[in-house]
Amino acid sequence: MSMIRLLLAEDQSMVREALAALLGLEPDIEVVAQVARGDEVLAAATEHQVDVALLDIEMPGMTGIEATAELRRALPGVKVVVVTTFGRPGYLRRAMESGADAFLVKDAPASQLAEAVRKVLAGERVIDPTLAAAALADGASPLTERERDVLRTAADGATNAEIAAALHLSQGTVRNYLSMAIQKMAARNRAEAVRMAREKGWL
């Protein structure tokens, strides 16, 4: 039996170690690398010649979705399973657009995760069925990439001037993007637009 070489990327060490221990019990899976940051994924995947990368979405340095896109560009042969605590339909859509092969919520049993790892290696796609239904019902994000950038920067309470400086835009352009985003989300203000977009996984 050939062993599946797995990389685990998860910033919470307790969760990462528990996952590594559980998946390590599988007869055909070997956890050969563990990282706590999204920006360490590519280097670890390259160094350890992994077959599958199991990535959390929320990580410092780079999100799991960004790390998926980076892996897809640099190591197209590596399969990517994205796991998340947050069952947000927008996350599913963005993960799949970035090239993920599977998307599961983190509270799935270890046996289900192991099965997903085997299935993606066999060329299948694995998606949490509840999330898939919610993503279809929710539709695509109405926000443009720039509107998302502006809302993301506004999320930390930045002023228009600070957003403009961070994104190299004029303050007028920032105001336009914010007002378009607020309008599209049918929100009362920028804070509500940020909250709503986050809840749907669009940021």
C-alpha atoms as a PDB file:
ATOM      1  CA  MET A   1       0.000   0.000   0.000  1.00  0.00           C
ATOM      2  CA  SER A   2       1.491   3.360  -0.946  1.00  0.00           C
ATOM      3  CA  MET A   3       1.285   5.982   1.796  1.00  0.00           C
ATOM      4  CA  ILE A   4      -0.468   9.309   1.197  1.00  0.00           C
ATOM      5  CA  ARG A   5       1.872  12.128   2.257  1.00  0.00           C
ATOM      6  CA  LEU A   6      -0.196  14.807   4.002  1.00  0.00           C
ATOM      7  CA  LEU A   7       0.517  18.400   5.034  1.00  0.00           C
ATOM      8  CA  LEU A   8      -1.586  19.899   7.838  1.00  0.00           C
ATOM      9  CA  ALA A   9      -1.949  23.689   8.045  1.00  0.00           C
ATOM     10  CA  GLU A  10      -3.840  24.902  11.126  1.00  0.00           C
ATOM     11  CA  ASP A  11      -2.923  27.772  13.446  1.00  0.00           C
ATOM     12  CA  GLN A  12      -4.450  26.285  16.631  1.00  0.00           C
ATOM     13  CA  SER A  13      -1.825  23.832  17.847  1.00  0.00           C
ATOM     14  CA  MET A  14      -4.268  21.713  19.878  1.00  0.00           C
ATOM     15  CA  VAL A  15      -6.575  21.229  16.880  1.00  0.00           C
ATOM     16  CA  ARG A  16      -3.609  20.580  14.568  1.00  0.00           C
ATOM     17  CA  GLU A  17      -2.078  17.974  16.874  1.00  0.00           C
ATOM     18  CA  ALA A  18      -5.443  16.246  17.393  1.00  0.00           C
ATOM     19  CA  LEU A  19      -6.027  16.099  13.625  1.00  0.00           C
ATOM     20  CA  ALA A  20      -2.494  14.808  13.037  1.00  0.00           C
ATOM     21  CA  ALA A  21      -2.966  12.091  15.667  1.00  0.00           C
ATOM     22  CA  LEU A  22      -6.360  10.998  14.298  1.00  0.00           C
ATOM     23  CA  LEU A  23      -5.303  11.000  10.641  1.00  0.00           C
ATOM     24  CA  GLY A  24      -2.053   9.269  11.590  1.00  0.00           C
ATOM     25  CA  LEU A  25      -4.125   6.292  12.774  1.00  0.00           C
ATOM     26  CA  GLU A  26      -5.266   5.688   9.194  1.00  0.00           C
ATOM     27  CA  PRO A  27      -3.219   2.841   7.646  1.00  0.00           C
ATOM     28  CA  ASP A  28      -2.559   4.686   4.370  1.00  0.00           C
ATOM     29  CA  ILE A  29      -2.022   8.299   5.556  1.00  0.00           C
ATOM     30  CA  GLU A  30       1.189   9.790   6.909  1.00  0.00           C
ATOM     31  CA  VAL A  31       1.259  13.374   8.222  1.00  0.00           C
ATOM     32  CA  VAL A  32       4.700  14.449   6.986  1.00  0.00           C
ATOM     33  CA  ALA A  33       4.472  18.200   7.697  1.00  0.00           C
ATOM     34  CA  GLN A  34       2.595  20.590   9.982  1.00  0.00           C
ATOM     35  CA  VAL A  35       2.511  24.393   9.768  1.00  0.00           C
ATOM     36  CA  ALA A  36       0.675  27.086  11.722  1.00  0.00           C
ATOM     37  CA  ARG A  37       0.699  29.833   9.079  1.00  0.00           C
ATOM     38  CA  GLY A  38      -0.740  30.135   5.598  1.00  0.00           C
ATOM     39  CA  ASP A  39       2.445  31.668   4.204  1.00  0.00           C
ATOM     40  CA  GLU A  40       4.439  28.550   5.248  1.00  0.00           C
ATOM     41  CA  VAL A  41       2.266  26.125   3.257  1.00  0.00           C
ATOM     42  CA  LEU A  42       4.033  26.256  -0.108  1.00  0.00           C
ATOM     43  CA  ALA A  43       7.558  25.846   1.294  1.00  0.00           C
ATOM     44  CA  ALA A  44       6.499  22.902   3.484  1.00  0.00           C
ATOM     45  CA  ALA A  45       4.561  21.242   0.642  1.00  0.00           C
ATOM     46  CA  THR A  46       7.591  21.574  -1.637  1.00  0.00           C
ATOM     47  CA  GLU A  47      10.130  20.382   0.926  1.00  0.00           C
ATOM     48  CA  HIS A  48       8.138  17.322   2.044  1.00  0.00           C
ATOM     49  CA  GLN A  49       6.793  16.422  -1.422  1.00  0.00           C
ATOM     50  CA  VAL A  50       3.231  16.093  -0.172  1.00  0.00           C
ATOM     51  CA  ASP A  51       0.339  14.523  -2.071  1.00  0.00           C
ATOM     52  CA  VAL A  52      -2.438  16.350  -0.220  1.00  0.00           C
ATOM     53  CA  ALA A  53      -2.572  19.606   1.765  1.00  0.00           C
ATOM     54  CA  LEU A  54      -5.262  19.954   4.434  1.00  0.00           C
ATOM     55  CA  LEU A  55      -5.703  23.687   5.014  1.00  0.00           C
ATOM     56  CA  ASP A  56      -7.691  25.679   7.555  1.00  0.00           C
ATOM     57  CA  ILE A  57      -9.210  28.900   6.206  1.00  0.00           C
ATOM     58  CA  GLU A  58      -8.421  31.300   9.058  1.00  0.00           C
ATOM     59  CA  MET A  59      -4.630  31.461   9.451  1.00  0.00           C
ATOM     60  CA  PRO A  60      -2.076  34.219  10.049  1.00  0.00           C
ATOM     61  CA  GLY A  61       0.216  35.239   7.179  1.00  0.00           C
ATOM     62  CA  MET A  62      -2.170  34.061   4.463  1.00  0.00           C
ATOM     63  CA  THR A  63      -5.654  32.553   4.453  1.00  0.00           C
ATOM     64  CA  GLY A  64      -6.239  28.950   3.453  1.00  0.00           C
ATOM     65  CA  ILE A  65      -7.958  30.234   0.317  1.00  0.00           C
ATOM     66  CA  GLU A  66      -4.913  32.325  -0.676  1.00  0.00           C
ATOM     67  CA  ALA A  67      -2.593  29.395   0.141  1.00  0.00           C
ATOM     68  CA  THR A  68      -4.761  27.152  -2.069  1.00  0.00           C
ATOM     69  CA  ALA A  69      -4.341  29.533  -5.012  1.00  0.00           C
ATOM     70  CA  GLU A  70      -0.566  29.672  -4.414  1.00  0.00           C
ATOM     71  CA  LEU A  71      -0.292  25.856  -4.267  1.00  0.00           C
ATOM     72  CA  ARG A  72      -2.397  25.507  -7.403  1.00  0.00           C
ATOM     73  CA  ARG A  73       0.008  27.802  -9.291  1.00  0.00           C
ATOM     74  CA  ALA A  74       3.270  26.352  -7.994  1.00  0.00           C
ATOM     75  CA  LEU A  75       2.430  22.681  -7.353  1.00  0.00           C
ATOM     76  CA  PRO A  76      -0.592  21.778  -9.486  1.00  0.00           C
ATOM     77  CA  GLY A  77      -0.187  18.080  -8.665  1.00  0.00           C
ATOM     78  CA  VAL A  78      -0.885  18.615  -4.944  1.00  0.00           C
ATOM     79  CA  LYS A  79      -4.530  18.072  -3.970  1.00  0.00           C
ATOM     80  CA  VAL A  80      -6.076  20.585  -1.555  1.00  0.00           C
ATOM     81  CA  VAL A  81      -8.688  19.887   1.116  1.00  0.00           C
ATOM     82  CA  VAL A  82      -9.970  23.070   2.796  1.00  0.00           C
ATOM     83  CA  VAL A  83     -11.499  22.755   6.263  1.00  0.00           C
ATOM     84  CA  THR A  84     -13.203  25.506   8.216  1.00  0.00           C
ATOM     85  CA  THR A  85     -14.935  26.110  11.520  1.00  0.00           C
ATOM     86  CA  PHE A  86     -17.194  28.571   9.742  1.00  0.00           C
ATOM     87  CA  GLY A  87     -19.720  26.951   7.438  1.00  0.00           C
ATOM     88  CA  ARG A  88     -20.107  30.046   5.263  1.00  0.00           C
ATOM     89  CA  PRO A  89     -21.313  29.536   1.710  1.00  0.00           C
ATOM     90  CA  GLY A  90     -19.122  32.373   0.391  1.00  0.00           C
ATOM     91  CA  TYR A  91     -16.027  30.584   1.702  1.00  0.00           C
ATOM     92  CA  LEU A  92     -16.986  27.464  -0.222  1.00  0.00           C
ATOM     93  CA  ARG A  93     -17.405  29.387  -3.451  1.00  0.00           C
ATOM     94  CA  ARG A  94     -14.085  31.243  -3.016  1.00  0.00           C
ATOM     95  CA  ALA A  95     -12.216  28.067  -2.040  1.00  0.00           C
ATOM     96  CA  MET A  96     -13.459  26.284  -5.155  1.00  0.00           C
ATOM     97  CA  GLU A  97     -12.608  29.292  -7.344  1.00  0.00           C
ATOM     98  CA  SER A  98      -9.066  29.150  -5.892  1.00  0.00           C
ATOM     99  CA  GLY A  99      -8.754  25.524  -6.956  1.00  0.00           C
ATOM    100  CA  ALA A 100      -9.593  23.519  -3.799  1.00  0.00           C
ATOM    101  CA  ASP A 101     -10.482  19.865  -4.409  1.00  0.00           C
ATOM    102  CA  ALA A 102     -12.552  19.459  -1.244  1.00  0.00           C
ATOM    103  CA  PHE A 103     -14.305  21.685   1.276  1.00  0.00           C
ATOM    104  CA  LEU A 104     -15.441  20.375   4.668  1.00  0.00           C
ATOM    105  CA  VAL A 105     -16.437  21.804   8.020  1.00  0.00           C
ATOM    106  CA  LYS A 106     -13.938  21.065  10.775  1.00  0.00           C
ATOM    107  CA  ASP A 107     -16.327  19.154  13.009  1.00  0.00           C
ATOM    108  CA  ALA A 108     -16.584  16.367  10.414  1.00  0.00           C
ATOM    109  CA  PRO A 109     -15.380  13.044  11.876  1.00  0.00           C
ATOM    110  CA  ALA A 110     -11.724  12.142  11.182  1.00  0.00           C
ATOM    111  CA  SER A 111     -12.852   9.138   9.142  1.00  0.00           C
ATOM    112  CA  GLN A 112     -14.747  11.506   6.812  1.00  0.00           C
ATOM    113  CA  LEU A 113     -11.663  13.721   6.436  1.00  0.00           C
ATOM    114  CA  ALA A 114      -9.534  10.665   5.666  1.00  0.00           C
ATOM    115  CA  GLU A 115     -12.080   9.525   3.091  1.00  0.00           C
ATOM    116  CA  ALA A 116     -12.026  13.009   1.497  1.00  0.00           C
ATOM    117  CA  VAL A 117      -8.212  12.798   1.278  1.00  0.00           C
ATOM    118  CA  ARG A 118      -8.466   9.457  -0.539  1.00  0.00           C
ATOM    119  CA  LYS A 119     -11.228  10.683  -2.856  1.00  0.00           C
ATOM    120  CA  VAL A 120      -9.384  13.832  -3.992  1.00  0.00           C
ATOM    121  CA  LEU A 121      -6.322  11.731  -4.783  1.00  0.00           C
ATOM    122  CA  ALA A 122      -8.582   9.567  -6.948  1.00  0.00           C
ATOM    123  CA  GLY A 123      -9.621  12.716  -8.831  1.00  0.00           C
ATOM    124  CA  GLU A 124     -12.972  13.342  -7.110  1.00  0.00           C
ATOM    125  CA  ARG A 125     -14.292  16.574  -5.623  1.00  0.00           C
ATOM    126  CA  VAL A 126     -15.696  16.459  -2.098  1.00  0.00           C
ATOM    127  CA  ILE A 127     -18.000  19.173  -0.798  1.00  0.00           C
ATOM    128  CA  ASP A 128     -19.956  19.329   2.439  1.00  0.00           C
ATOM    129  CA  PRO A 129     -23.534  18.811   1.121  1.00  0.00           C
ATOM    130  CA  THR A 130     -25.181  21.267   3.537  1.00  0.00           C
ATOM    131  CA  LEU A 131     -22.756  24.006   2.539  1.00  0.00           C
ATOM    132  CA  ALA A 132     -23.163  23.231  -1.149  1.00  0.00           C
ATOM    133  CA  ALA A 133     -26.931  23.712  -0.873  1.00  0.00           C
ATOM    134  CA  ALA A 134     -26.487  26.964   1.077  1.00  0.00           C
ATOM    135  CA  ALA A 135     -23.952  28.293  -1.462  1.00  0.00           C
ATOM    136  CA  LEU A 136     -26.364  27.642  -4.318  1.00  0.00           C
ATOM    137  CA  ALA A 137     -29.207  29.317  -2.444  1.00  0.00           C
ATOM    138  CA  ASP A 138     -27.035  32.289  -1.523  1.00  0.00           C
ATOM    139  CA  GLY A 139     -25.721  32.970  -4.996  1.00  0.00           C
ATOM    140  CA  ALA A 140     -22.403  34.566  -5.854  1.00  0.00           C
ATOM    141  CA  SER A 141     -20.998  37.564  -4.025  1.00  0.00           C
ATOM    142  CA  PRO A 142     -22.263  40.801  -5.583  1.00  0.00           C
ATOM    143  CA  LEU A 143     -19.065  42.589  -4.511  1.00  0.00           C
ATOM    144  CA  THR A 144     -16.226  43.313  -6.914  1.00  0.00           C
ATOM    145  CA  GLU A 145     -12.652  42.478  -5.862  1.00  0.00           C
ATOM    146  CA  ARG A 146     -11.976  46.192  -5.181  1.00  0.00           C
ATOM    147  CA  GLU A 147     -15.154  46.594  -3.098  1.00  0.00           C
ATOM    148  CA  ARG A 148     -14.052  43.572  -1.065  1.00  0.00           C
ATOM    149  CA  ASP A 149     -10.581  45.103  -0.553  1.00  0.00           C
ATOM    150  CA  VAL A 150     -12.102  48.376   0.649  1.00  0.00           C
ATOM    151  CA  LEU A 151     -14.551  46.646   3.020  1.00  0.00           C
ATOM    152  CA  ARG A 152     -11.776  44.383   4.342  1.00  0.00           C
ATOM    153  CA  THR A 153      -9.612  47.420   5.108  1.00  0.00           C
ATOM    154  CA  ALA A 154     -12.584  49.260   6.638  1.00  0.00           C
ATOM    155  CA  ALA A 155     -13.261  46.267   8.908  1.00  0.00           C
ATOM    156  CA  ASP A 156     -10.492  47.364  11.293  1.00  0.00           C
ATOM    157  CA  GLY A 157     -12.133  50.754  11.762  1.00  0.00           C
ATOM    158  CA  ALA A 158      -9.870  52.578   9.269  1.00  0.00           C
ATOM    159  CA  THR A 159     -10.931  56.038   8.090  1.00  0.00           C
ATOM    160  CA  ASN A 160     -11.453  56.796   4.382  1.00  0.00           C
ATOM    161  CA  ALA A 161      -8.042  58.514   4.318  1.00  0.00           C
ATOM    162  CA  GLU A 162      -6.349  55.437   5.860  1.00  0.00           C
ATOM    163  CA  ILE A 163      -8.125  53.085   3.428  1.00  0.00           C
ATOM    164  CA  ALA A 164      -7.099  55.322   0.514  1.00  0.00           C
ATOM    165  CA  ALA A 165      -3.456  55.288   1.648  1.00  0.00           C
ATOM    166  CA  ALA A 166      -3.416  51.514   2.241  1.00  0.00           C
ATOM    167  CA  LEU A 167      -4.930  50.687  -1.152  1.00  0.00           C
ATOM    168  CA  HIS A 168      -3.316  53.518  -3.170  1.00  0.00           C
ATOM    169  CA  LEU A 169      -6.687  55.027  -4.092  1.00  0.00           C
ATOM    170  CA  SER A 170      -8.119  58.519  -3.821  1.00  0.00           C
ATOM    171  CA  GLN A 171     -10.513  59.237  -0.948  1.00  0.00           C
ATOM    172  CA  GLY A 172     -13.288  59.902  -3.453  1.00  0.00           C
ATOM    173  CA  THR A 173     -12.796  56.482  -5.027  1.00  0.00           C
ATOM    174  CA  VAL A 174     -12.860  54.863  -1.571  1.00  0.00           C
ATOM    175  CA  ARG A 175     -16.149  56.674  -0.798  1.00  0.00           C
ATOM    176  CA  ASN A 176     -17.613  55.397  -4.092  1.00  0.00           C
ATOM    177  CA  TYR A 177     -16.556  51.794  -3.447  1.00  0.00           C
ATOM    178  CA  LEU A 178     -17.918  51.908   0.108  1.00  0.00           C
ATOM    179  CA  SER A 179     -21.219  53.383  -0.976  1.00  0.00           C
ATOM    180  CA  MET A 180     -21.584  50.788  -3.769  1.00  0.00           C
ATOM    181  CA  ALA A 181     -20.813  47.957  -1.337  1.00  0.00           C
ATOM    182  CA  ILE A 182     -23.289  49.296   1.254  1.00  0.00           C
ATOM    183  CA  GLN A 183     -25.941  49.624  -1.453  1.00  0.00           C
ATOM    184  CA  LYS A 184     -25.358  46.108  -2.830  1.00  0.00           C
ATOM    185  CA  MET A 185     -25.531  44.598   0.664  1.00  0.00           C
ATOM    186  CA  ALA A 186     -28.655  46.639   1.477  1.00  0.00           C
ATOM    187  CA  ALA A 187     -26.832  47.681   4.641  1.00  0.00           C
ATOM    188  CA  ARG A 188     -27.363  50.845   6.699  1.00  0.00           C
ATOM    189  CA  ASN A 189     -23.664  51.697   7.046  1.00  0.00           C
ATOM    190  CA  ARG A 190     -20.163  50.375   6.450  1.00  0.00           C
ATOM    191  CA  ALA A 191     -20.008  48.471   9.764  1.00  0.00           C
ATOM    192  CA  GLU A 192     -23.185  46.588   8.892  1.00  0.00           C
ATOM    193  CA  ALA A 193     -21.916  45.919   5.344  1.00  0.00           C
ATOM    194  CA  VAL A 194     -18.670  44.480   6.787  1.00  0.00           C
ATOM    195  CA  ARG A 195     -20.595  42.296   9.256  1.00  0.00           C
ATOM    196  CA  MET A 196     -22.981  40.985   6.593  1.00  0.00           C
ATOM    197  CA  ALA A 197     -20.189  40.277   4.092  1.00  0.00           C
ATOM    198  CA  ARG A 198     -18.208  38.440   6.771  1.00  0.00           C
ATOM    199  CA  GLU A 199     -21.188  36.316   7.771  1.00  0.00           C
ATOM    200  CA  LYS A 200     -21.621  35.208   4.161  1.00  0.00           C
ATOM    201  CA  GLY A 201     -17.894  34.494   3.793  1.00  0.00           C
ATOM    202  CA  TRP A 202     -17.445  37.156   1.101  1.00  0.00           C
ATOM    203  CA  LEU A 203     -14.528  38.923   2.828  1.00  0.00           C
END
